Amino acid sequence: MHGDDNMVGANAAMLMMVVKRMLIAVPSLIGVVIVTFLLTRALPGDPAAYFAGPAATKEAIEQIRVKLGLDKPLYVQFIHYVGDLARGDLAIADLTRRYRWI
């Protein structure tokens, strides 16, 4: 019977270790999300101008900026970014319908 008690204790210890590791991973994951969001916003160049192409008018670029949500404040863009990640939307471009790798 002592073998069963040891097994229960080992399972409980293993479960506690897994829970602790998952709790440690949460701040790391939050940090990675914040850093990737800020890096994509800090890169030089205008994403709307890129999608519009070199011959685009200022009006066309502004329409694309609105469609991509780049006209909104940074905190609103971040909320949309996190929501997209939570839904598994890993950046399929609305304009091109091709995968974008971030």
Protein backbone atom coordinates (compact mmCIF):
# COMPACT_ATOMS: atom_id res chain seq x y z
CA MET A 1 0.00 0.00 0.00
CA HIS A 2 2.91 2.35 0.52
CA GLY A 3 3.62 2.20 -3.20
CA ASP A 4 0.20 3.72 -3.94
CA ASP A 5 0.86 6.57 -1.47
CA ASN A 6 4.18 7.31 -3.16
CA MET A 7 2.49 7.33 -6.55
CA VAL A 8 -0.16 9.81 -5.39
CA GLY A 9 2.53 12.04 -3.87
CA ALA A 10 4.60 11.89 -7.05
CA ASN A 11 1.56 12.76 -9.19
CA ALA A 12 0.69 15.70 -6.95
CA ALA A 13 4.29 16.95 -7.07
CA MET A 14 4.34 16.63 -10.85
CA LEU A 15 1.04 18.51 -11.14
CA MET A 16 2.35 21.31 -8.92
CA MET A 17 5.51 21.57 -11.02
CA VAL A 18 3.47 21.82 -14.24
CA VAL A 19 1.21 24.49 -12.73
CA LYS A 20 4.21 26.52 -11.54
CA ARG A 21 5.85 26.31 -14.97
CA MET A 22 2.65 27.44 -16.68
CA LEU A 23 2.33 30.38 -14.28
CA ILE A 24 5.93 31.36 -15.01
CA ALA A 25 5.24 31.16 -18.76
CA VAL A 26 2.32 33.62 -18.65
CA PRO A 27 4.41 36.78 -18.02
CA SER A 28 6.90 35.65 -20.66
CA LEU A 29 4.12 35.19 -23.20
CA ILE A 30 2.69 38.62 -22.37
CA GLY A 31 6.15 40.13 -22.81
CA VAL A 32 6.63 38.48 -26.20
CA VAL A 33 3.24 39.73 -27.41
CA ILE A 34 4.00 43.30 -26.31
CA VAL A 35 7.49 43.30 -27.83
CA THR A 36 6.36 41.87 -31.17
CA PHE A 37 3.52 44.40 -31.36
CA LEU A 38 5.83 47.32 -30.62
CA LEU A 39 8.49 46.10 -33.04
CA THR A 40 6.02 45.79 -35.89
CA ARG A 41 4.83 49.34 -35.21
CA ALA A 42 8.36 50.75 -34.87
CA LEU A 43 9.67 49.45 -38.20
CA PRO A 44 10.42 52.16 -40.74
CA GLY A 45 8.01 52.68 -43.59
CA ASP A 46 4.26 52.93 -43.85
CA PRO A 47 2.43 49.59 -44.17
CA ALA A 48 -0.49 51.32 -45.88
CA ALA A 49 1.82 52.78 -48.53
CA TYR A 50 3.39 49.36 -49.00
CA PHE A 51 0.03 47.68 -49.62
CA ALA A 52 -1.18 50.53 -51.83
CA GLY A 53 1.81 50.32 -54.11
CA PRO A 54 4.17 52.92 -55.51
CA ALA A 55 1.60 54.62 -57.77
CA ALA A 56 -1.07 55.04 -55.06
CA THR A 57 -2.64 58.38 -54.29
CA LYS A 58 -2.68 59.87 -50.80
CA GLU A 59 -6.42 59.14 -50.63
CA ALA A 60 -5.88 55.46 -51.47
CA ILE A 61 -3.16 55.18 -48.84
CA GLU A 62 -5.45 56.78 -46.26
CA GLN A 63 -8.28 54.34 -47.13
CA ILE A 64 -5.92 51.42 -46.61
CA ARG A 65 -4.67 52.94 -43.35
CA VAL A 66 -8.28 53.08 -42.13
CA LYS A 67 -8.97 49.51 -43.33
CA LEU A 68 -5.90 48.21 -41.46
CA GLY A 69 -6.81 50.19 -38.34
CA LEU A 70 -3.59 52.20 -38.44
CA ASP A 71 -5.55 55.42 -37.95
CA LYS A 72 -6.58 54.35 -34.44
CA PRO A 73 -4.62 55.03 -31.24
CA LEU A 74 -1.84 52.59 -30.38
CA TYR A 75 -3.71 51.06 -27.43
CA VAL A 76 -6.73 50.31 -29.67
CA GLN A 77 -4.43 48.70 -32.24
CA PHE A 78 -2.91 46.59 -29.45
CA ILE A 79 -6.33 45.41 -28.27
CA HIS A 80 -7.20 44.37 -31.84
CA TYR A 81 -3.79 42.69 -32.18
CA VAL A 82 -4.31 40.61 -29.02
CA GLY A 83 -7.85 39.77 -30.09
CA ASP A 84 -6.60 38.57 -33.47
CA LEU A 85 -3.97 36.41 -31.78
CA ALA A 86 -6.56 34.94 -29.42
CA ARG A 87 -8.74 33.98 -32.39
CA GLY A 88 -5.77 32.42 -34.17
CA ASP A 89 -5.66 35.11 -36.85
CA LEU A 90 -1.94 35.09 -37.51
CA ALA A 91 -1.93 37.95 -40.00
CA ILE A 92 -3.69 36.92 -43.16
CA ALA A 93 -3.77 40.18 -45.06
CA ASP A 94 -7.24 41.50 -45.83
CA LEU A 95 -5.97 43.17 -48.97
CA THR A 96 -3.90 40.40 -50.51
CA ARG A 97 -5.49 37.22 -49.08
CA ARG A 98 -1.97 35.81 -48.77
CA TYR A 99 -0.22 34.79 -45.60
CA ARG A 100 2.02 37.42 -44.08
CA TRP A 101 4.81 36.21 -41.86
CA ILE A 102 5.40 38.59 -39.00
